Amino acid sequence: MTYVVKRGDTIAKVALANKMRPFDLVYYNPSLLNEKDYIQPGTILQLPLKEDQKRLSFETEYGPTDLEKDLKILEKSGVHVSQCGQSVMGKPLYECKIGTGPRHVFYSGGWHANEAHTSKLLMKFLDVLSSVNEQNQEVYGYPVVDILKKITLTVVPMVNPDGIELVEQGIYPEHSFYEEVIEINKGQRRFDHWSSNIRGVDLNHQWPAGWELEAEESPQKPWSRHYSGPAPLSEPEAIAIYNLTKKYDFHYVLAFHSQGQVIYWGYRGYEPKESEEMVKKLSLASSYTPIHTADSDGGYKDWFILHTGRPGFTIEIGNGQNPLPNEAFAEIWSNNIGLALEGLTL
């Protein structure tokens, strides 16, 4: 958050107006010598994000019910929310739009059942964007109001709500896919390893970009991960993203996954030349390592590059073993807020 010093301002006045201590204002601005220092008109001061702007909570697991509750809050701050499809179990898939510009950008997360931190990241990002946009402020040096006049950002924060709920709450006899899930999981009742949708299809192996190659090397029946499905785009979640991509004709896309702290940016040489320069900017904003090609096919990013000839990126947030623990979110946020903001300016 930033504040531009006006005539008559002092450190104490600015601190009081922003509900903080003068000491904290000095702490966030190393250029200030002490609480009695002068501040001149036009000086830009850094402020911590106000507590009343942290409207959403991300301290625990994050599932479809949390998403539904938080989307209602975001709608009140100017984020346009609508349904773009549904899951196998009929849960809504939501698209969130912010910005009015002609350049259309797409962020997506929650593709894999044990990667809910990607949904947390995108929801918190939308919360910050809408907060600073309402108050005509910058965030970490990015002029959000100006950026959102140049681009329209579409976000699907949770592509796989059925799978995420399974990982976080487990299975029980009343569950409509109880028998199928137990069979796929070979009778085991823990689902930390599960990344597929509720009927055992990996939503990021569903795409007509080398799908046959990926399918040959993956499980041949429903599985907790990597099963490509009976055909490309067989799952309603993948179909929803496909239709959304066709509808908005995005200029470029960022798909968030975990883990690895890398950014995949190419697909078999079909990516445009500007992709390499764009990924360098994302890397510098996050400290994540650019890697040209993942050792796989059939991904959404792969299909987008192949189908449109435009840039697409897969960002692997965090590091460790999925599902990453709740305490990992601090590192994920600190390394990805800059990347997410930079992604709006590519």
Protein backbone atom coordinates (compact mmCIF):
# COMPACT_ATOMS: atom_id res chain seq x y z
CA MET A 1 0.00 0.00 0.00
CA THR A 2 1.22 3.53 -0.70
CA TYR A 3 0.39 7.04 0.49
CA VAL A 4 1.39 10.30 -1.15
CA VAL A 5 2.32 12.95 1.43
CA LYS A 6 0.20 16.11 1.28
CA ARG A 7 0.78 19.63 2.58
CA GLY A 8 0.48 19.77 6.34
CA ASP A 9 1.22 16.08 6.87
CA THR A 10 3.41 14.79 9.67
CA ILE A 11 4.38 11.22 10.52
CA ALA A 12 1.96 11.23 13.45
CA LYS A 13 -0.93 12.55 11.32
CA VAL A 14 -0.40 9.98 8.56
CA ALA A 15 -0.09 7.19 11.11
CA LEU A 16 -3.30 8.20 12.88
CA ALA A 17 -5.24 8.50 9.61
CA ASN A 18 -4.17 5.00 8.64
CA LYS A 19 -4.79 3.44 12.07
CA MET A 20 -1.18 2.59 12.79
CA ARG A 21 1.59 3.65 15.15
CA PRO A 22 4.18 6.25 14.08
CA PHE A 23 6.81 3.63 14.90
CA ASP A 24 5.31 1.27 12.31
CA LEU A 25 5.28 3.98 9.65
CA VAL A 26 9.00 4.52 10.24
CA TYR A 27 9.58 0.76 10.18
CA TYR A 28 7.94 0.39 6.74
CA ASN A 29 9.89 3.37 5.35
CA PRO A 30 13.65 3.05 5.96
CA SER A 31 14.18 6.52 4.49
CA LEU A 32 12.58 7.98 7.63
CA LEU A 33 15.13 8.51 10.39
CA ASN A 34 12.73 8.54 13.34
CA GLU A 35 9.20 9.48 14.39
CA LYS A 36 10.10 13.20 14.42
CA ASP A 37 11.47 13.24 10.88
CA TYR A 38 9.99 15.64 8.33
CA ILE A 39 7.95 14.31 5.41
CA GLN A 40 7.69 16.50 2.32
CA PRO A 41 4.66 16.87 0.00
CA GLY A 42 4.82 14.40 -2.88
CA THR A 43 6.85 11.81 -0.96
CA ILE A 44 5.51 8.28 -1.42
CA LEU A 45 5.25 6.29 1.79
CA GLN A 46 4.77 2.53 2.04
CA LEU A 47 1.92 1.36 4.29
CA PRO A 48 1.09 -2.14 5.48
CA LEU A 49 -2.17 -3.61 4.20
CA LYS A 50 -4.87 -2.41 6.57
CA GLU A 51 -6.51 -5.04 8.71
CA ASP A 52 -9.97 -4.01 7.55
CA GLN A 53 -8.91 -4.77 3.98
CA LYS A 54 -7.96 -8.35 4.85
CA ARG A 55 -11.55 -9.42 4.43
CA LEU A 56 -10.92 -13.05 3.53
CA SER A 57 -9.27 -15.64 5.75
CA PHE A 58 -6.61 -18.08 4.55
CA GLU A 59 -5.22 -19.56 7.77
CA THR A 60 -6.78 -23.02 7.28
CA GLU A 61 -7.68 -25.39 4.45
CA TYR A 62 -9.63 -23.81 1.59
CA GLY A 63 -12.48 -25.61 -0.13
CA PRO A 64 -15.64 -24.97 -2.19
CA THR A 65 -17.71 -23.73 0.76
CA ASP A 66 -15.00 -21.18 1.64
CA LEU A 67 -14.93 -20.08 -1.98
CA GLU A 68 -18.70 -19.56 -2.11
CA LYS A 69 -18.63 -17.43 1.05
CA ASP A 70 -15.69 -15.31 -0.09
CA LEU A 71 -17.06 -14.70 -3.57
CA LYS A 72 -20.05 -12.93 -2.03
CA ILE A 73 -17.64 -10.56 -0.29
CA LEU A 74 -15.66 -9.90 -3.47
CA GLU A 75 -18.84 -9.13 -5.41
CA LYS A 76 -19.47 -6.20 -3.07
CA SER A 77 -16.07 -4.77 -4.05
CA GLY A 78 -16.63 -4.69 -7.77
CA VAL A 79 -15.52 -8.19 -8.79
CA HIS A 80 -18.03 -9.59 -11.28
CA VAL A 81 -18.79 -13.22 -10.40
CA SER A 82 -20.69 -15.66 -12.62
CA GLN A 83 -20.91 -19.39 -13.22
CA CYS A 84 -18.97 -20.74 -16.20
CA GLY A 85 -19.73 -24.44 -15.76
CA GLN A 86 -20.03 -27.15 -13.17
CA SER A 87 -18.12 -30.10 -11.77
CA VAL A 88 -18.98 -33.79 -12.08
CA MET A 89 -20.97 -33.50 -8.83
CA GLY A 90 -22.75 -30.36 -9.98
CA LYS A 91 -20.73 -27.82 -7.98
CA PRO A 92 -20.58 -24.45 -9.74
CA LEU A 93 -17.35 -23.39 -11.42
CA TYR A 94 -17.01 -19.64 -11.01
CA GLU A 95 -15.38 -17.04 -13.19
CA CYS A 96 -14.36 -13.75 -11.58
CA LYS A 97 -13.72 -10.64 -13.67
CA ILE A 98 -12.08 -7.38 -12.73
CA GLY A 99 -10.88 -4.57 -14.98
CA THR A 100 -12.28 -2.86 -18.05
CA GLY A 101 -9.39 -2.92 -20.52
CA PRO A 102 -9.28 -4.43 -24.00
CA ARG A 103 -6.44 -6.86 -23.23
CA HIS A 104 -7.90 -10.10 -21.82
CA VAL A 105 -5.81 -12.13 -19.36
CA PHE A 106 -6.73 -15.43 -17.69
CA TYR A 107 -5.56 -16.86 -14.35
CA SER A 108 -6.71 -20.27 -13.14
CA GLY A 109 -6.04 -22.49 -10.12
CA GLY A 110 -7.36 -25.42 -8.14
CA TRP A 111 -6.82 -27.79 -11.08
CA HIS A 112 -5.54 -30.60 -8.89
CA ALA A 113 -7.34 -31.85 -5.80
CA ASN A 114 -4.34 -31.55 -3.48
CA GLU A 115 -3.32 -28.07 -4.67
CA ALA A 116 -5.87 -25.84 -2.94
CA HIS A 117 -3.18 -23.28 -2.11
CA THR A 118 -3.47 -22.12 -5.72
CA SER A 119 -7.13 -21.26 -5.09
CA LYS A 120 -6.19 -19.43 -1.89
CA LEU A 121 -3.56 -17.45 -3.78
CA LEU A 122 -5.95 -16.33 -6.51
CA MET A 123 -8.73 -15.42 -4.08
CA LYS A 124 -6.40 -13.36 -1.92
CA PHE A 125 -5.04 -11.71 -5.05
CA LEU A 126 -8.56 -10.74 -6.13
CA ASP A 127 -9.23 -9.42 -2.63
CA VAL A 128 -6.16 -7.17 -2.75
CA LEU A 129 -6.87 -6.00 -6.30
CA SER A 130 -10.45 -5.05 -5.51
CA SER A 131 -9.44 -3.34 -2.25
CA VAL A 132 -6.77 -1.10 -3.73
CA ASN A 133 -8.86 -0.45 -6.85
CA GLU A 134 -11.72 0.84 -4.69
CA GLN A 135 -9.38 3.17 -2.82
CA ASN A 136 -7.34 4.27 -5.85
CA GLN A 137 -4.07 3.06 -4.35
CA GLU A 138 -0.96 1.25 -5.50
CA VAL A 139 0.20 -2.11 -4.22
CA TYR A 140 3.92 -2.93 -4.10
CA GLY A 141 4.57 -0.17 -6.62
CA TYR A 142 1.98 -1.34 -9.17
CA PRO A 143 -0.66 1.29 -10.14
CA VAL A 144 -3.62 -1.10 -9.98
CA VAL A 145 -6.25 1.43 -11.09
CA ASP A 146 -4.31 2.27 -14.24
CA ILE A 147 -3.52 -1.39 -14.96
CA LEU A 148 -7.18 -2.39 -14.68
CA LYS A 149 -8.08 0.22 -17.29
CA LYS A 150 -5.78 -1.56 -19.74
CA ILE A 151 -6.64 -5.18 -19.04
CA THR A 152 -9.60 -7.34 -18.10
CA LEU A 153 -8.60 -10.15 -15.79
CA THR A 154 -10.68 -13.32 -15.70
CA VAL A 155 -9.97 -15.77 -12.87
CA VAL A 156 -11.30 -19.27 -12.27
CA PRO A 157 -9.91 -19.88 -8.78
CA MET A 158 -11.10 -23.48 -8.31
CA VAL A 159 -11.35 -25.73 -11.37
CA ASN A 160 -11.68 -28.96 -9.35
CA PRO A 161 -13.98 -28.32 -6.36
CA ASP A 162 -15.05 -31.98 -6.00
CA GLY A 163 -11.47 -33.18 -5.74
CA ILE A 164 -10.38 -30.44 -3.36
CA GLU A 165 -13.26 -31.26 -1.03
CA LEU A 166 -12.30 -34.95 -1.14
CA VAL A 167 -8.71 -34.22 -0.12
CA GLU A 168 -9.82 -31.95 2.72
CA GLN A 169 -12.80 -33.88 4.10
CA GLY A 170 -12.32 -37.47 2.97
CA ILE A 171 -15.01 -39.94 1.88
CA TYR A 172 -18.12 -41.16 3.71
CA PRO A 173 -20.95 -43.58 2.84
CA GLU A 174 -23.44 -40.79 2.02
CA HIS A 175 -21.06 -39.36 -0.61
CA SER A 176 -22.51 -39.80 -4.11
CA PHE A 177 -19.19 -41.18 -5.42
CA TYR A 178 -18.35 -43.26 -2.35
CA GLU A 179 -17.99 -46.65 -4.05
CA GLU A 180 -16.17 -45.30 -7.11
CA VAL A 181 -13.65 -43.35 -5.03
CA ILE A 182 -12.98 -46.26 -2.66
CA GLU A 183 -12.36 -48.55 -5.63
CA ILE A 184 -10.01 -46.08 -7.33
CA ASN A 185 -8.12 -45.59 -4.05
CA LYS A 186 -7.82 -49.36 -3.49
CA GLY A 187 -9.78 -49.21 -0.26
CA GLN A 188 -7.61 -46.56 1.38
CA ARG A 189 -9.31 -43.72 3.28
CA ARG A 190 -6.57 -41.05 3.04
CA PHE A 191 -6.54 -38.78 0.01
CA ASP A 192 -3.52 -36.49 0.39
CA HIS A 193 -2.08 -37.99 -2.81
CA TRP A 194 -5.28 -37.49 -4.86
CA SER A 195 -4.96 -34.91 -7.66
CA SER A 196 -7.70 -36.04 -10.08
CA ASN A 197 -11.32 -34.98 -10.22
CA ILE A 198 -13.90 -37.03 -8.32
CA ARG A 199 -14.09 -39.76 -10.96
CA GLY A 200 -10.35 -40.21 -11.27
CA VAL A 201 -9.46 -38.07 -14.28
CA ASP A 202 -6.52 -35.65 -14.19
CA LEU A 203 -7.95 -32.34 -15.46
CA ASN A 204 -4.55 -31.13 -16.66
CA HIS A 205 -4.07 -34.22 -18.85
CA GLN A 206 -7.36 -33.65 -20.66
CA TRP A 207 -6.28 -31.35 -23.44
CA PRO A 208 -5.90 -32.04 -27.18
CA ALA A 209 -2.20 -31.24 -27.36
CA GLY A 210 -0.32 -34.53 -27.53
CA TRP A 211 -3.16 -36.15 -25.57
CA GLU A 212 -2.59 -39.55 -27.22
CA LEU A 213 1.09 -39.54 -26.23
CA GLU A 214 0.25 -38.66 -22.64
CA ALA A 215 -2.56 -41.20 -22.47
CA GLU A 216 -0.29 -44.02 -23.66
CA GLU A 217 2.15 -43.39 -20.81
CA SER A 218 -0.44 -42.84 -18.07
CA PRO A 219 -2.84 -45.14 -16.17
CA GLN A 220 -5.40 -46.78 -18.44
CA LYS A 221 -8.34 -46.46 -16.07
CA PRO A 222 -9.57 -43.98 -13.43
CA TRP A 223 -6.77 -43.26 -10.97
CA SER A 224 -5.92 -40.85 -8.21
CA ARG A 225 -3.58 -38.99 -10.59
CA HIS A 226 -2.37 -38.83 -14.19
CA TYR A 227 -5.26 -40.69 -15.85
CA SER A 228 -5.96 -38.72 -19.03
CA GLY A 229 -9.57 -39.84 -19.33
CA PRO A 230 -11.30 -41.84 -22.07
CA ALA A 231 -10.86 -38.96 -24.53
CA PRO A 232 -9.73 -35.33 -24.58
CA LEU A 233 -12.18 -32.96 -22.89
CA SER A 234 -14.30 -35.76 -21.47
CA GLU A 235 -14.78 -34.02 -18.11
CA PRO A 236 -17.23 -31.16 -17.45
CA GLU A 237 -14.57 -29.13 -15.60
CA ALA A 238 -12.23 -29.22 -18.62
CA ILE A 239 -15.10 -28.44 -20.99
CA ALA A 240 -15.97 -25.36 -18.90
CA ILE A 241 -12.41 -23.99 -19.18
CA TYR A 242 -12.33 -24.84 -22.89
CA ASN A 243 -15.56 -22.91 -23.53
CA LEU A 244 -14.39 -19.98 -21.41
CA THR A 245 -11.12 -19.77 -23.33
CA LYS A 246 -12.94 -19.82 -26.63
CA LYS A 247 -15.41 -17.19 -25.42
CA TYR A 248 -12.89 -14.57 -24.30
CA ASP A 249 -10.02 -15.21 -26.74
CA PHE A 250 -7.40 -14.51 -24.07
CA HIS A 251 -4.15 -12.76 -25.01
CA TYR A 252 -2.22 -15.01 -22.62
CA VAL A 253 -2.91 -17.36 -19.71
CA LEU A 254 -1.34 -18.25 -16.36
CA ALA A 255 -2.30 -21.62 -14.85
CA PHE A 256 -1.27 -22.05 -11.21
CA HIS A 257 -0.25 -25.45 -9.85
CA SER A 258 1.96 -26.70 -7.01
CA GLN A 259 4.72 -27.49 -6.27
CA GLY A 260 8.30 -26.86 -7.50
CA GLN A 261 8.83 -23.09 -7.69
CA VAL A 262 9.27 -23.14 -11.46
CA ILE A 263 7.53 -21.58 -14.46
CA TYR A 264 6.93 -23.64 -17.60
CA TRP A 265 6.57 -21.40 -20.62
CA GLY A 266 6.91 -23.40 -23.86
CA TYR A 267 5.37 -26.31 -25.71
CA ARG A 268 7.32 -28.13 -28.41
CA GLY A 269 8.44 -24.86 -30.01
CA TYR A 270 4.90 -23.65 -30.75
CA GLU A 271 5.14 -20.75 -28.27
CA PRO A 272 5.57 -17.23 -29.72
CA LYS A 273 8.88 -15.40 -29.43
CA GLU A 274 7.63 -12.97 -26.82
CA SER A 275 7.05 -15.81 -24.34
CA GLU A 276 10.71 -15.94 -23.36
CA GLU A 277 10.86 -12.25 -22.46
CA MET A 278 7.57 -12.52 -20.59
CA VAL A 279 8.73 -15.46 -18.49
CA LYS A 280 11.89 -13.57 -17.55
CA LYS A 281 9.71 -10.83 -16.06
CA LEU A 282 7.64 -13.38 -14.15
CA SER A 283 10.81 -15.05 -12.88
CA LEU A 284 12.35 -11.79 -11.64
CA ALA A 285 9.09 -10.93 -9.86
CA SER A 286 8.96 -14.28 -8.05
CA SER A 287 12.45 -15.85 -7.90
CA TYR A 288 10.96 -18.91 -9.64
CA THR A 289 13.04 -20.70 -12.29
CA PRO A 290 11.91 -20.59 -15.94
CA ILE A 291 11.82 -24.00 -17.65
CA HIS A 292 10.94 -24.23 -21.32
CA THR A 293 9.03 -27.50 -21.42
CA ALA A 294 7.62 -29.93 -18.88
CA ASP A 295 8.16 -33.62 -19.59
CA SER A 296 4.50 -34.16 -20.41
CA ASP A 297 1.72 -33.41 -22.89
CA GLY A 298 -1.99 -32.82 -22.70
CA GLY A 299 -1.87 -29.79 -20.40
CA TYR A 300 -4.08 -26.71 -20.60
CA LYS A 301 -1.11 -24.43 -21.16
CA ASP A 302 0.12 -26.78 -23.92
CA TRP A 303 -3.22 -26.72 -25.69
CA PHE A 304 -3.55 -22.93 -25.38
CA ILE A 305 -0.13 -22.38 -26.98
CA LEU A 306 -0.76 -24.96 -29.71
CA HIS A 307 -4.30 -23.76 -30.47
CA THR A 308 -3.80 -19.99 -30.34
CA GLY A 309 -0.07 -19.43 -30.90
CA ARG A 310 -0.15 -17.12 -27.90
CA PRO A 311 1.83 -17.19 -24.64
CA GLY A 312 0.85 -19.58 -21.89
CA PHE A 313 2.52 -20.25 -18.53
CA THR A 314 2.23 -22.90 -15.84
CA ILE A 315 3.40 -21.62 -12.45
CA GLU A 316 4.31 -24.27 -9.87
CA ILE A 317 3.94 -22.48 -6.54
CA GLY A 318 5.51 -23.57 -3.27
CA ASN A 319 7.90 -26.39 -2.56
CA GLY A 320 7.51 -29.72 -0.79
CA GLN A 321 4.91 -32.48 -1.02
CA ASN A 322 1.27 -31.86 -1.88
CA PRO A 323 -0.90 -30.94 -0.16
CA LEU A 324 1.43 -28.28 1.15
CA PRO A 325 0.80 -27.40 4.82
CA ASN A 326 -1.20 -24.31 5.77
CA GLU A 327 1.93 -22.58 7.02
CA ALA A 328 3.41 -22.79 3.51
CA PHE A 329 0.99 -20.11 2.34
CA ALA A 330 3.13 -17.28 3.73
CA GLU A 331 5.98 -18.22 1.40
CA ILE A 332 3.57 -18.82 -1.48
CA TRP A 333 2.01 -15.38 -1.10
CA SER A 334 5.29 -13.52 -0.68
CA ASN A 335 6.78 -15.15 -3.79
CA ASN A 336 3.68 -14.88 -5.97
CA ILE A 337 2.01 -11.55 -5.28
CA GLY A 338 4.70 -9.82 -7.35
CA LEU A 339 4.40 -12.47 -10.08
CA ALA A 340 0.62 -12.12 -10.18
CA LEU A 341 0.88 -8.33 -10.43
CA GLU A 342 3.60 -8.49 -13.06
CA GLY A 343 1.41 -10.91 -14.99
CA LEU A 344 -1.11 -8.12 -15.49
CA THR A 345 1.46 -5.95 -17.28
CA LEU A 346 3.06 -8.39 -19.76
